[in-house]
Protein backbone atom coordinates (compact mmCIF):
# COMPACT_ATOMS: atom_id res chain seq x y z
CA MET A 1 -91.61 -56.56 -153.60
CA LEU A 2 -90.02 -55.41 -150.34
CA LEU A 3 -87.96 -52.80 -152.17
CA LEU A 4 -91.04 -51.60 -154.02
CA LEU A 5 -93.13 -51.31 -150.84
CA ALA A 6 -90.31 -49.60 -148.97
CA GLY A 7 -89.82 -47.13 -151.81
CA ILE A 8 -93.53 -46.30 -152.06
CA ALA A 9 -93.79 -45.88 -148.26
CA LEU A 10 -90.82 -43.51 -148.23
CA LEU A 11 -92.22 -41.48 -151.13
CA LEU A 12 -95.59 -41.14 -149.41
CA LEU A 13 -93.90 -40.04 -146.18
CA VAL A 14 -91.86 -37.39 -148.01
CA LEU A 15 -94.86 -36.06 -149.91
CA LEU A 16 -97.03 -36.03 -146.76
CA ASP A 17 -94.34 -34.23 -144.78
CA ALA A 18 -93.71 -31.66 -147.52
CA LEU A 19 -97.42 -30.99 -148.12
CA TRP A 20 -98.21 -30.80 -144.40
CA THR A 21 -95.33 -28.42 -143.77
CA THR A 22 -95.86 -26.07 -146.69
CA LEU A 23 -99.62 -26.07 -147.32
CA ALA A 24 -101.42 -27.11 -144.13
CA PRO A 25 -102.66 -24.14 -142.06
CA HIS A 26 -101.56 -25.67 -138.74
CA GLY A 27 -98.21 -27.20 -137.90
CA ALA A 28 -95.40 -28.95 -139.72
CA GLY A 29 -95.12 -32.49 -141.02
CA PRO A 30 -94.16 -35.24 -138.56
CA VAL A 31 -90.55 -35.60 -139.69
CA THR A 32 -89.88 -31.87 -140.11
CA LYS A 33 -91.51 -31.14 -136.74
CA GLY A 34 -89.41 -33.76 -134.95
CA LEU A 35 -86.25 -32.57 -136.69
CA ALA A 36 -86.92 -28.96 -135.72
CA ARG A 37 -87.69 -29.73 -132.08
CA GLY A 38 -84.68 -32.04 -131.74
CA LEU A 39 -82.20 -29.60 -133.27
CA TRP A 40 -83.57 -26.68 -131.22
CA SER A 41 -83.38 -28.68 -127.97
CA LEU A 42 -79.79 -29.63 -128.74
CA ALA A 43 -78.86 -26.04 -129.56
CA LEU A 44 -80.52 -24.81 -126.34
CA ALA A 45 -78.56 -27.34 -124.28
CA VAL A 46 -75.28 -26.19 -125.84
CA HIS A 47 -76.35 -22.55 -125.45
CA ARG A 48 -76.93 -22.98 -121.72
CA ALA A 49 -73.80 -25.07 -121.17
CA ALA A 50 -71.69 -22.44 -122.94
CA GLY A 51 -73.14 -19.62 -120.88
CA GLY A 52 -75.45 -18.01 -123.44
CA THR A 53 -74.12 -18.35 -126.99
CA HIS A 54 -76.90 -16.57 -128.86
CA ARG A 55 -74.98 -16.78 -132.13
CA LEU A 56 -75.45 -20.55 -132.10
CA LEU A 57 -79.21 -20.24 -131.69
CA ALA A 58 -79.31 -17.68 -134.49
CA VAL A 59 -78.24 -20.28 -137.07
CA VAL A 60 -80.84 -22.87 -136.10
CA GLY A 61 -83.72 -21.34 -138.09
CA PRO A 62 -81.86 -21.11 -141.42
CA ALA A 63 -80.31 -24.55 -140.77
CA LEU A 64 -83.78 -26.05 -140.29
CA LEU A 65 -84.99 -24.69 -143.62
CA PHE A 66 -81.96 -26.22 -145.33
CA LEU A 67 -82.29 -29.57 -143.50
CA ALA A 68 -86.01 -29.82 -144.31
CA PHE A 69 -85.28 -29.26 -148.00
CA LEU A 70 -82.40 -31.76 -147.82
CA TRP A 71 -84.63 -34.38 -146.21
CA TRP A 72 -87.33 -33.96 -148.85
CA VAL A 73 -84.80 -34.23 -151.68
CA ALA A 74 -82.89 -37.17 -150.17
CA GLY A 75 -86.09 -39.01 -149.24
CA LEU A 76 -87.60 -38.52 -152.69
CA TRP A 77 -84.39 -39.60 -154.39
CA THR A 78 -83.97 -42.68 -152.19
CA GLY A 79 -87.62 -43.69 -152.54
CA TRP A 80 -87.52 -43.65 -156.33
CA VAL A 81 -84.21 -45.52 -156.40
CA LEU A 82 -85.84 -48.28 -154.32
CA VAL A 83 -88.80 -48.36 -156.69
CA PHE A 84 -86.61 -48.67 -159.81
CA GLU A 85 -84.33 -51.21 -158.12
CA SER A 86 -87.32 -53.41 -157.25
CA ALA A 87 -87.21 -54.95 -160.75
CA ASP A 88 -84.23 -56.08 -162.80
CA GLY A 89 -83.74 -54.17 -166.02
CA SER A 90 -86.11 -51.31 -165.23
CA VAL A 91 -83.47 -48.87 -166.53
CA ALA A 92 -80.97 -49.53 -169.29
CA ARG A 93 -78.24 -47.69 -171.15
CA ALA A 94 -79.82 -46.07 -174.21
CA GLN A 95 -77.11 -46.96 -176.74
CA THR A 96 -76.43 -50.60 -175.77
CA GLY A 97 -79.53 -51.73 -173.86
CA GLU A 98 -77.30 -52.90 -171.00
CA PRO A 99 -79.21 -52.95 -167.66
CA ALA A 100 -78.20 -50.17 -165.28
CA ASP A 101 -76.40 -51.03 -162.06
CA LEU A 102 -77.22 -49.40 -158.73
CA ALA A 103 -74.96 -46.38 -159.26
CA SER A 104 -76.41 -45.80 -162.72
CA THR A 105 -79.96 -46.07 -161.34
CA VAL A 106 -79.15 -43.45 -158.70
CA TYR A 107 -77.75 -41.24 -161.48
CA PHE A 108 -80.85 -41.79 -163.66
CA VAL A 109 -83.29 -41.03 -160.82
CA GLY A 110 -81.43 -37.85 -159.88
CA PHE A 111 -81.52 -36.52 -163.43
CA THR A 112 -85.18 -37.48 -163.75
CA LEU A 113 -86.23 -35.75 -160.53
CA PHE A 114 -84.34 -32.51 -160.83
CA THR A 115 -83.64 -31.98 -164.53
CA MET A 116 -85.12 -33.07 -167.85
CA GLY A 117 -82.60 -35.92 -168.09
CA ASN A 118 -79.81 -36.31 -170.60
CA GLY A 119 -80.97 -39.48 -172.40
CA ASP A 120 -78.02 -41.80 -171.76
CA TYR A 121 -80.21 -44.03 -169.51
CA VAL A 122 -83.86 -44.78 -170.28
CA PRO A 123 -86.74 -46.80 -168.81
CA THR A 124 -87.18 -50.13 -170.54
CA THR A 125 -90.96 -50.76 -170.60
CA ASP A 126 -94.17 -48.76 -170.83
CA GLY A 127 -94.78 -49.17 -167.11
CA TRP A 128 -91.35 -47.81 -166.18
CA GLU A 129 -91.79 -44.94 -168.64
CA ILE A 130 -94.94 -43.94 -166.74
CA ALA A 131 -93.07 -44.31 -163.44
CA THR A 132 -90.33 -42.03 -164.82
CA ALA A 133 -92.87 -39.38 -165.73
CA VAL A 134 -94.43 -39.57 -162.23
CA ALA A 135 -90.97 -39.30 -160.67
CA ALA A 136 -90.22 -36.19 -162.72
CA LEU A 137 -93.53 -34.66 -161.64
CA SER A 138 -92.88 -35.42 -157.97
CA GLY A 139 -89.43 -33.83 -158.14
CA LEU A 140 -90.77 -30.67 -159.76
CA PHE A 141 -93.62 -30.56 -157.23
CA VAL A 142 -91.43 -30.87 -154.11
CA VAL A 143 -88.79 -28.41 -155.30
CA THR A 144 -91.49 -25.87 -156.21
CA LEU A 145 -93.14 -26.31 -152.80
CA ALA A 146 -89.82 -25.75 -151.04
CA ILE A 147 -89.01 -22.58 -153.00
CA THR A 148 -92.47 -21.06 -152.55
CA TYR A 149 -92.34 -21.90 -148.82
CA LEU A 150 -89.13 -19.91 -148.35
CA VAL A 151 -90.54 -16.49 -149.30
CA PRO A 152 -93.40 -16.29 -146.75
CA VAL A 153 -91.12 -17.69 -144.03
CA VAL A 154 -88.61 -14.89 -144.58
CA SER A 155 -91.48 -12.37 -144.52
CA ALA A 156 -92.84 -13.87 -141.29
CA VAL A 157 -89.42 -13.68 -139.62
CA ALA A 158 -89.10 -10.01 -140.57
CA ALA A 159 -92.59 -9.31 -139.18
CA LYS A 160 -91.67 -11.16 -135.98
CA ARG A 161 -88.66 -8.90 -135.45
CA LYS A 162 -90.73 -5.82 -136.26
CA LEU A 163 -93.27 -6.82 -133.60
CA ALA A 164 -90.47 -7.35 -131.06
CA ALA A 165 -88.98 -3.92 -131.81
CA HIS A 166 -92.39 -2.27 -131.50
CA LEU A 167 -92.92 -3.87 -128.09
CA ASP A 168 -89.38 -3.02 -127.03
CA ASP A 169 -90.02 0.64 -127.77
CA LEU A 170 -92.70 0.57 -125.08
CA GLY A 171 -90.33 -0.82 -122.47
CA ARG A 172 -88.20 -3.86 -121.65
CA SER A 173 -89.95 -4.89 -118.45
CA PRO A 174 -93.60 -4.95 -117.39
CA VAL A 175 -93.08 -2.15 -114.89
CA GLU A 176 -91.17 -0.03 -117.40
CA ILE A 177 -93.97 -0.40 -119.97
CA VAL A 178 -96.58 0.75 -117.45
CA LEU A 179 -94.43 3.64 -116.23
CA THR A 180 -93.75 4.76 -119.81
CA ALA A 181 -97.45 4.61 -120.66
CA TRP A 182 -98.53 6.65 -117.62
CA ASP A 183 -99.19 10.29 -118.54
CA GLY A 184 -100.00 11.50 -115.05
CA SER A 185 -103.71 10.84 -115.24
CA GLY A 186 -104.23 7.78 -117.43
CA PHE A 187 -102.95 5.57 -120.24
CA SER A 188 -104.48 7.12 -123.37
CA SER A 189 -101.22 6.95 -125.36
CA PHE A 190 -100.82 3.24 -124.54
CA GLU A 191 -104.33 2.57 -125.81
CA GLN A 192 -103.27 4.00 -129.17
CA HIS A 193 -100.28 1.63 -129.29
CA LEU A 194 -102.54 -1.33 -128.53
CA GLY A 195 -104.52 -0.54 -131.65
CA GLN A 196 -101.37 -1.29 -133.67
CA ILE A 197 -99.90 -4.09 -131.54
CA ILE A 198 -102.98 -6.32 -131.35
CA PRO A 199 -103.22 -6.87 -135.16
CA GLU A 200 -99.46 -7.46 -135.34
CA LEU A 201 -99.61 -10.06 -132.57
CA GLU A 202 -102.64 -11.76 -134.12
CA MET A 203 -100.84 -11.93 -137.46
CA HIS A 204 -97.72 -13.32 -135.77
CA THR A 205 -99.87 -16.03 -134.17
CA GLN A 206 -101.34 -17.06 -137.52
CA ARG A 207 -97.93 -17.09 -139.19
CA HIS A 208 -96.63 -19.10 -136.27
CA LEU A 209 -99.29 -21.69 -137.04
CA ALA A 210 -98.72 -21.69 -140.79
CA TYR A 211 -94.91 -21.62 -140.64
CA PRO A 212 -93.79 -23.28 -137.37
CA VAL A 213 -90.12 -22.88 -138.31
CA VAL A 214 -90.55 -19.16 -137.51
CA HIS A 215 -90.46 -20.13 -133.82
CA TYR A 216 -86.85 -21.26 -134.23
CA PHE A 217 -85.52 -18.07 -135.78
CA HIS A 218 -83.59 -16.48 -132.93
CA SER A 219 -82.42 -12.90 -132.67
CA THR A 220 -79.13 -12.20 -130.92
CA GLU A 221 -80.31 -8.72 -129.88
CA ARG A 222 -82.81 -8.17 -127.10
CA ARG A 223 -84.54 -5.39 -129.07
CA THR A 224 -85.64 -7.77 -131.83
CA ALA A 225 -86.16 -10.86 -129.63
CA ALA A 226 -89.87 -11.64 -129.79
CA GLY A 227 -90.02 -14.03 -126.83
CA PRO A 228 -88.91 -11.62 -124.06
CA ALA A 229 -90.77 -8.72 -125.70
CA ILE A 230 -94.10 -10.59 -125.76
CA VAL A 231 -93.60 -11.80 -122.18
CA ALA A 232 -92.92 -8.25 -120.94
CA PHE A 233 -95.98 -7.00 -122.84
CA ALA A 234 -98.21 -9.76 -121.43
CA GLU A 235 -97.06 -9.06 -117.89
CA ALA A 236 -97.64 -5.33 -118.42
CA LEU A 237 -101.22 -6.12 -119.46
CA GLY A 238 -101.55 -8.04 -116.20
CA LEU A 239 -100.39 -5.01 -114.23
CA LEU A 240 -102.80 -2.72 -116.06
CA SER A 241 -105.68 -5.14 -115.54
CA HIS A 242 -105.06 -6.18 -111.94
CA ALA A 243 -102.55 -3.82 -110.28
CA VAL A 244 -103.60 -0.36 -111.48
CA ALA A 245 -106.61 1.08 -109.69
CA PRO A 246 -109.89 0.61 -111.62
CA ASP A 247 -110.59 4.33 -111.96
CA VAL A 248 -107.41 4.98 -114.02
CA ARG A 249 -106.76 1.68 -115.80
CA PRO A 250 -107.51 1.41 -119.56
CA ALA A 251 -111.03 0.46 -120.54
CA PRO A 252 -111.96 -3.24 -120.86
CA ALA A 253 -112.73 -2.63 -124.54
CA VAL A 254 -109.00 -2.02 -124.96
CA LEU A 255 -107.52 -4.54 -122.51
CA VAL A 256 -109.75 -7.53 -123.30
CA PRO A 257 -108.75 -7.80 -127.01
CA ALA A 258 -105.09 -7.46 -126.02
CA HIS A 259 -105.44 -10.26 -123.45
CA ARG A 260 -107.17 -12.46 -126.01
CA ALA A 261 -104.40 -11.83 -128.54
CA VAL A 262 -101.82 -12.95 -125.98
CA GLU A 263 -103.93 -15.96 -125.01
CA GLY A 264 -104.21 -16.97 -128.67
CA TYR A 265 -100.45 -16.83 -129.08
CA LEU A 266 -99.85 -18.82 -125.90
CA GLY A 267 -102.41 -21.37 -127.04
CA THR A 268 -100.38 -21.86 -130.21
CA LEU A 269 -97.23 -22.42 -128.17
CA ARG A 270 -99.00 -24.90 -125.90
CA ARG A 271 -99.98 -27.08 -128.85
CA GLY A 272 -96.48 -28.10 -129.79
CA PHE A 273 -93.70 -25.68 -128.92
CA VAL A 274 -93.35 -25.23 -125.16
CA THR A 275 -94.40 -27.04 -122.02
CA ALA A 276 -95.59 -24.91 -119.14
CA ALA A 277 -92.89 -24.32 -116.53
CA ALA A 278 -93.28 -25.70 -113.03
CA ASP A 279 -93.46 -22.21 -111.55
CA PRO A 280 -95.05 -19.01 -112.88
CA LEU A 281 -93.08 -15.85 -113.40
CA PRO A 282 -92.15 -13.83 -110.29
CA HIS A 283 -94.77 -11.23 -109.45
CA PRO A 284 -93.80 -7.68 -110.43
CA SER A 285 -93.58 -5.27 -107.53
CA LEU A 286 -96.28 -2.65 -107.13
CA GLN A 287 -93.98 -0.32 -105.24
CA ASP A 288 -92.37 1.15 -108.37
CA LEU A 289 -95.82 1.98 -109.74
CA ALA A 290 -96.92 3.56 -106.50
CA ASP A 291 -93.68 5.57 -106.28
CA ALA A 292 -94.43 7.01 -109.75
CA GLY A 293 -97.80 8.26 -108.56
CA ILE A 294 -99.88 5.55 -110.25
CA PRO A 295 -102.86 4.51 -108.11
CA VAL A 296 -102.64 0.79 -107.37
CA VAL A 297 -104.84 -1.82 -105.72
CA ASP A 298 -104.16 -3.58 -102.45
CA ALA A 299 -101.25 -6.06 -102.61
CA GLY A 300 -103.48 -8.93 -101.49
CA GLU A 301 -105.97 -8.28 -104.26
CA PHE A 302 -103.14 -8.22 -106.82
CA ASP A 303 -101.65 -11.48 -105.51
CA GLN A 304 -105.05 -13.16 -105.75
CA ALA A 305 -105.41 -12.06 -109.38
CA GLN A 306 -101.91 -13.31 -110.16
CA ARG A 307 -102.69 -16.71 -108.69
CA ALA A 308 -105.77 -16.91 -110.91
CA ASP A 309 -103.51 -16.31 -113.94
CA ALA A 310 -100.87 -18.84 -112.80
CA GLN A 311 -101.28 -21.04 -115.90
CA GLU A 312 -100.54 -18.11 -118.20
CA GLY A 313 -97.58 -17.20 -115.98
CA ARG A 314 -96.14 -20.70 -116.32
CA LEU A 315 -96.44 -20.53 -120.11
CA LEU A 316 -94.76 -17.12 -120.18
CA HIS A 317 -91.95 -18.48 -118.01
CA ALA A 318 -91.57 -21.41 -120.44
CA LEU A 319 -91.52 -19.02 -123.42
CA VAL A 320 -88.63 -17.03 -121.97
CA ARG A 321 -86.73 -20.24 -121.25
CA ASP A 322 -87.45 -21.91 -124.60
CA THR A 323 -86.35 -18.89 -126.64
CA GLY A 324 -82.88 -18.99 -125.06
CA TRP A 325 -83.26 -16.04 -122.69
CA ASP A 326 -83.74 -15.80 -118.94
CA TRP A 327 -86.02 -13.79 -116.73
CA SER A 328 -83.36 -11.14 -116.05
CA VAL A 329 -83.83 -9.63 -119.54
CA VAL A 330 -87.52 -9.08 -118.75
CA SER A 331 -87.45 -8.10 -115.09
């Protein structure tokens, strides 16, 4: 009875984890989520101790996909072995009727789950025949889920890198983005870019929710690194909203949707990926903007606005840190 209960509990955990990870619109299953966070934290610790080994972080995402599939397969296999081992003589050799030992039961369960079986071992009663059919169905179901999960994850990773490259084209620091967008009298060209960036960022947020493993796909190149690119973009929005003089800054109808897109993404991170840093990001200097001829507000007014957005600044700081980069690649 203990073997039977343990086997059923393990099977339910595997199926719950696989269904939650692949089909649920928000988050991964409990085991897959813990595995992903633990492996990423370990890789980050090694990355920092080794002085910035981005190649190590780059293998974490693919490794997590493989380990999740391995856990589902191993858990399913082990659970059904426990179920069949809970009763003597549940499986027997087809030709002689001799009861299967443990190794033969493992062999039988493996063939049942992942192939059509080869017939040299068979279930012995009607009840075990039904259990064999259910086992075969569960194996087909989990393997199909894993394969169909892979395709949208790869697509989401490609879209993530595309978004990062698009943001990088605008500039690699908040000040550089604002300076690049300034045309001498306003920011009309930047407003056109926002019309493309906002949908891309919203889509990235939704894919981040549906496929959390996307968070752990790391790019070794700054140009396609989404974390620093989004942080620089968010800080640039802060400059445009609070540092640039009101008479030349982009219209609220343009800035407000962009801020909400960033807030939505940060809200996703807050729910299970990063913990807000103790300190917000350093305030960008207004002097570079003023030197370029961009009208700016008083420094005190800007500092007050930055303090009001301190929570967002702490999350942005945490995002840079958790994606394996440091503030120098943004500032």
